[in-house]
Amino acid sequence: MFEGVIFDLEGLIVNNEALQVQAWNKYLERHQVQLGIEEWEEFAGQRAFNIAELLRRRYELAEDPLTITEERQAILLDLVDEQEQIEEMPGAVETIELFKNNDLKFAIATSDYKDYVWAVLEKLRLDEMVDVLVTGDNISEVRPSPLPLFACAETFALHPANCLTLAKDRAGVEAAINAGMKSICIPGPKVARWRITGADLVLPSLYSLNMMSLRSIWFDIGEEPRPQLYRSR
């Protein structure tokens, strides 16, 4: 059976896309530019530093990418602090509790930065459940690169084949394939299900995930024998 499970944060545990865009736009107000939805979709999933570099070039901003990142990050943390509650994805907390109750190690691998991730997890009261956290400020590559997933497995002290990845899009599935891990995809509302190829299981929401689903995938690995059918003689 799997021993470790790896989640992304945005789109799987929380739905903070609007807050992310708001933080960038509050920073960009001084430059009299704003991010539109289509432009944000181009940036989503990238590290804040990389987004800052793209914005600096596109809008000829005077600040260096590190300064932009730090100032925008401070704005984002203030916005999180102002929220009475964080919008969680349907079934996320229950699924994490299911994993922990079955003694599975739980990791988050995300392009977001650590201070923001902890602030969100504290709001959701999940901060004490996380065993491993790999974030955009301690690893430079993001999905579909397998490096964030390898970092989780290494910290787990587990072989990648003993880890399961939960993905929200094609990039997450590709990362799992590249890492030699099984994957379950819960496509976001803007992700066409036909584009999710290679996932071992595609579900409409985390509410559909249970231990039977996990065992059905694990049997494909061959680490546990399938029940034998005996014929009466």
Protein backbone atom coordinates (compact mmCIF):
# COMPACT_ATOMS: atom_id res chain seq x y z
CA MET A 1 0.00 0.00 0.00
CA PHE A 2 1.13 3.59 -0.53
CA GLU A 3 3.01 5.09 2.39
CA GLY A 4 3.12 8.75 1.32
CA VAL A 5 0.67 11.07 -0.43
CA ILE A 6 1.68 14.35 -2.11
CA PHE A 7 -0.74 17.22 -2.72
CA ASP A 8 -0.50 20.49 -4.57
CA LEU A 9 -1.95 23.42 -2.58
CA GLU A 10 -3.84 25.72 -4.93
CA GLY A 11 -6.77 24.02 -6.63
CA LEU A 12 -6.59 20.89 -4.49
CA ILE A 13 -6.62 22.07 -0.88
CA VAL A 14 -7.61 25.73 -1.25
CA ASN A 15 -9.23 27.96 -3.84
CA ASN A 16 -7.21 31.16 -3.47
CA GLU A 17 -6.79 32.15 -7.09
CA ALA A 18 -8.71 35.41 -6.60
CA LEU A 19 -6.53 36.29 -3.58
CA GLN A 20 -3.35 35.61 -5.55
CA VAL A 21 -4.47 37.92 -8.37
CA GLN A 22 -5.58 40.57 -5.89
CA ALA A 23 -2.13 40.59 -4.27
CA TRP A 24 -0.38 41.06 -7.61
CA ASN A 25 -2.77 43.82 -8.63
CA LYS A 26 -2.35 45.68 -5.33
CA TYR A 27 1.39 45.70 -5.97
CA LEU A 28 0.94 46.74 -9.62
CA GLU A 29 -1.38 49.66 -8.77
CA ARG A 30 1.67 51.91 -8.31
CA HIS A 31 2.68 51.13 -11.89
CA GLN A 32 -0.83 51.74 -13.21
CA VAL A 33 -1.21 48.26 -14.67
CA GLN A 34 -3.41 45.32 -13.69
CA LEU A 35 -3.45 41.61 -14.39
CA GLY A 36 -6.44 40.24 -16.27
CA ILE A 37 -7.78 36.71 -15.83
CA GLU A 38 -6.24 35.49 -19.09
CA GLU A 39 -2.87 36.91 -18.13
CA TRP A 40 -3.04 35.26 -14.70
CA GLU A 41 -3.83 31.90 -16.32
CA GLU A 42 -0.57 32.29 -18.22
CA PHE A 43 1.32 32.71 -14.90
CA ALA A 44 -0.59 30.28 -12.65
CA GLY A 45 1.57 27.49 -11.23
CA GLN A 46 4.84 29.41 -11.54
CA ARG A 47 7.00 30.62 -8.66
CA ALA A 48 6.43 34.20 -7.53
CA PHE A 49 10.01 35.12 -8.44
CA ASN A 50 9.52 33.93 -12.02
CA ILE A 51 6.24 35.82 -12.30
CA ALA A 52 7.98 38.93 -10.97
CA GLU A 53 10.67 38.62 -13.62
CA LEU A 54 8.07 38.25 -16.38
CA LEU A 55 6.13 41.27 -15.12
CA ARG A 56 9.31 43.34 -14.80
CA ARG A 57 10.14 42.74 -18.45
CA ARG A 58 6.60 43.09 -19.75
CA TYR A 59 5.83 46.36 -17.98
CA GLU A 60 9.41 47.67 -17.69
CA LEU A 61 9.24 47.84 -13.90
CA ALA A 62 12.12 49.55 -12.14
CA GLU A 63 12.36 47.13 -9.21
CA ASP A 64 14.37 43.93 -9.40
CA PRO A 65 12.48 40.58 -9.26
CA LEU A 66 13.50 39.88 -5.65
CA THR A 67 12.14 43.21 -4.42
CA ILE A 68 8.93 42.73 -6.40
CA THR A 69 8.51 39.23 -4.95
CA GLU A 70 9.10 40.35 -1.36
CA GLU A 71 6.72 43.32 -1.59
CA ARG A 72 4.00 41.30 -3.28
CA GLN A 73 4.45 38.47 -0.76
CA ALA A 74 3.92 40.90 2.14
CA ILE A 75 0.68 42.07 0.51
CA LEU A 76 -0.48 38.47 0.05
CA LEU A 77 0.16 37.61 3.69
CA ASP A 78 -1.81 40.67 4.81
CA LEU A 79 -4.72 39.58 2.61
CA VAL A 80 -4.65 36.07 4.07
CA ASP A 81 -4.58 37.50 7.59
CA GLU A 82 -7.65 39.61 6.81
CA GLN A 83 -9.69 36.58 5.76
CA GLU A 84 -12.07 35.21 8.38
CA GLN A 85 -11.79 31.87 6.64
CA ILE A 86 -10.01 30.42 3.65
CA GLU A 87 -12.05 28.78 0.90
CA GLU A 88 -11.09 25.11 0.92
CA MET A 89 -11.66 22.77 -2.00
CA PRO A 90 -14.57 20.34 -1.55
CA GLY A 91 -13.49 17.28 0.41
CA ALA A 92 -9.90 18.44 0.95
CA VAL A 93 -9.85 18.46 4.76
CA GLU A 94 -11.79 15.19 4.98
CA THR A 95 -9.41 13.51 2.53
CA ILE A 96 -6.33 14.64 4.43
CA GLU A 97 -7.88 13.36 7.66
CA LEU A 98 -8.60 10.04 5.92
CA PHE A 99 -4.95 9.69 4.93
CA LYS A 100 -3.67 10.59 8.38
CA ASN A 101 -6.11 8.22 10.07
CA ASN A 102 -4.69 5.43 7.90
CA ASP A 103 -1.08 6.27 8.85
CA LEU A 104 -0.12 7.70 5.45
CA LYS A 105 2.51 10.42 5.37
CA PHE A 106 1.19 13.70 3.98
CA ALA A 107 3.22 16.19 1.91
CA ILE A 108 2.48 19.39 0.07
CA ALA A 109 4.59 20.29 -2.97
CA THR A 110 3.72 23.74 -4.28
CA SER A 111 5.18 26.67 -6.20
CA ASP A 112 3.84 28.98 -3.45
CA TYR A 113 6.20 30.27 -0.78
CA LYS A 114 6.48 28.77 2.68
CA ASP A 115 5.22 31.71 4.75
CA TYR A 116 2.04 31.90 2.66
CA VAL A 117 1.52 28.11 2.80
CA TRP A 118 1.83 28.02 6.59
CA ALA A 119 -0.54 30.98 6.94
CA VAL A 120 -3.15 29.16 4.85
CA LEU A 121 -2.69 25.85 6.65
CA GLU A 122 -3.05 27.54 10.03
CA LYS A 123 -6.33 29.10 8.87
CA LEU A 124 -7.55 25.62 7.89
CA ARG A 125 -6.09 24.04 11.06
CA LEU A 126 -4.08 21.62 8.95
CA ASP A 127 -0.62 22.86 9.92
CA GLU A 128 -0.01 20.02 12.39
CA MET A 129 -0.98 17.35 9.85
CA VAL A 130 1.75 18.12 7.30
CA ASP A 131 4.76 15.81 7.44
CA VAL A 132 6.70 17.30 4.52
CA LEU A 133 6.49 20.70 2.86
CA VAL A 134 8.29 21.54 -0.40
CA THR A 135 7.74 25.11 -1.57
CA GLY A 136 8.77 27.54 -4.30
CA ASP A 137 11.33 29.27 -2.10
CA ASN A 138 13.33 26.11 -1.45
CA ILE A 139 13.19 24.44 -4.87
CA SER A 140 13.43 26.26 -8.18
CA GLU A 141 11.54 23.86 -10.46
CA VAL A 142 7.79 23.34 -10.64
CA ARG A 143 5.49 20.77 -12.24
CA PRO A 144 5.77 19.08 -14.73
CA SER A 145 9.34 18.73 -13.42
CA PRO A 146 9.48 15.74 -11.05
CA LEU A 147 11.97 17.45 -8.70
CA PRO A 148 9.37 18.69 -6.15
CA LEU A 149 7.94 15.17 -5.94
CA PHE A 150 11.40 13.61 -5.63
CA ALA A 151 12.14 16.06 -2.80
CA CYS A 152 9.01 14.89 -0.96
CA ALA A 153 9.85 11.20 -1.43
CA GLU A 154 13.42 11.75 -0.27
CA THR A 155 12.25 13.57 2.86
CA PHE A 156 9.70 10.81 3.46
CA ALA A 157 12.62 8.35 3.09
CA LEU A 158 10.41 6.45 0.62
CA HIS A 159 10.95 5.10 -2.87
CA PRO A 160 8.89 7.16 -5.38
CA ALA A 161 6.85 4.05 -6.25
CA ASN A 162 5.55 4.07 -2.67
CA CYS A 163 4.18 7.59 -3.06
CA LEU A 164 0.91 8.77 -4.59
CA THR A 165 0.50 12.18 -6.22
CA LEU A 166 -2.78 14.07 -6.25
CA ALA A 167 -2.90 16.37 -9.28
CA LYS A 168 -5.28 19.05 -10.53
CA ASP A 169 -4.09 19.31 -14.14
CA ARG A 170 -1.95 17.79 -16.86
CA ALA A 171 1.26 19.30 -15.48
CA GLY A 172 0.70 17.51 -12.17
CA VAL A 173 0.04 14.20 -13.90
CA GLU A 174 3.17 14.59 -16.05
CA ALA A 175 5.22 15.31 -12.94
CA ALA A 176 3.98 12.08 -11.35
CA ILE A 177 4.77 10.09 -14.50
CA ASN A 178 8.24 11.65 -14.67
CA ALA A 179 8.80 10.76 -11.01
CA GLY A 180 7.60 7.16 -11.40
CA MET A 181 4.64 7.75 -9.07
CA LYS A 182 0.99 6.82 -9.38
CA SER A 183 -1.42 9.75 -9.67
CA ILE A 184 -5.03 10.66 -9.09
CA CYS A 185 -6.29 13.75 -10.90
CA ILE A 186 -9.14 15.95 -9.70
CA PRO A 187 -9.37 18.39 -12.63
CA GLY A 188 -10.01 22.03 -11.84
CA PRO A 189 -13.08 23.73 -13.34
CA LYS A 190 -11.00 25.16 -16.21
CA VAL A 191 -9.32 21.84 -17.03
CA ALA A 192 -10.93 19.71 -19.73
CA ARG A 193 -11.16 16.08 -18.58
CA TRP A 194 -10.11 14.85 -22.04
CA ARG A 195 -6.73 16.52 -21.54
CA ILE A 196 -5.99 14.41 -18.45
CA THR A 197 -4.20 11.45 -19.98
CA GLY A 198 -1.83 9.25 -18.02
CA ALA A 199 -3.49 9.61 -14.62
CA ASP A 200 -4.26 6.32 -12.90
CA LEU A 201 -7.62 7.65 -11.77
CA VAL A 202 -9.63 10.78 -12.58
CA LEU A 203 -12.27 11.86 -10.05
CA PRO A 204 -14.84 14.69 -10.06
CA SER A 205 -13.88 15.79 -6.52
CA LEU A 206 -11.99 14.67 -3.45
CA TYR A 207 -15.28 13.51 -1.97
CA SER A 208 -15.06 10.58 -4.41
CA LEU A 209 -11.72 9.41 -3.02
CA ASN A 210 -11.60 6.58 -0.49
CA MET A 211 -9.26 3.82 0.62
CA MET A 212 -10.81 1.40 -1.86
CA SER A 213 -9.77 3.77 -4.67
CA LEU A 214 -6.21 3.81 -3.37
CA ARG A 215 -6.05 0.03 -3.10
CA SER A 216 -7.37 -0.40 -6.65
CA ILE A 217 -4.44 1.66 -7.93
CA TRP A 218 -1.90 -0.01 -5.67
CA PHE A 219 -2.74 -3.48 -6.99
CA ASP A 220 -1.46 -2.37 -10.40
CA ILE A 221 2.00 -2.03 -8.86
CA GLY A 222 1.99 -5.69 -7.88
CA GLU A 223 3.22 -5.14 -4.32
CA GLU A 224 0.14 -6.79 -2.86
CA PRO A 225 -1.40 -9.97 -4.24
CA ARG A 226 -4.83 -9.84 -5.79
CA PRO A 227 -7.45 -12.04 -4.13
CA GLN A 228 -7.43 -15.48 -5.70
CA LEU A 229 -10.57 -17.07 -7.05
CA TYR A 230 -10.82 -20.78 -6.27
CA ARG A 231 -13.04 -23.15 -8.20
CA SER A 232 -14.78 -25.94 -6.36
CA ARG A 233 -13.85 -29.35 -7.69
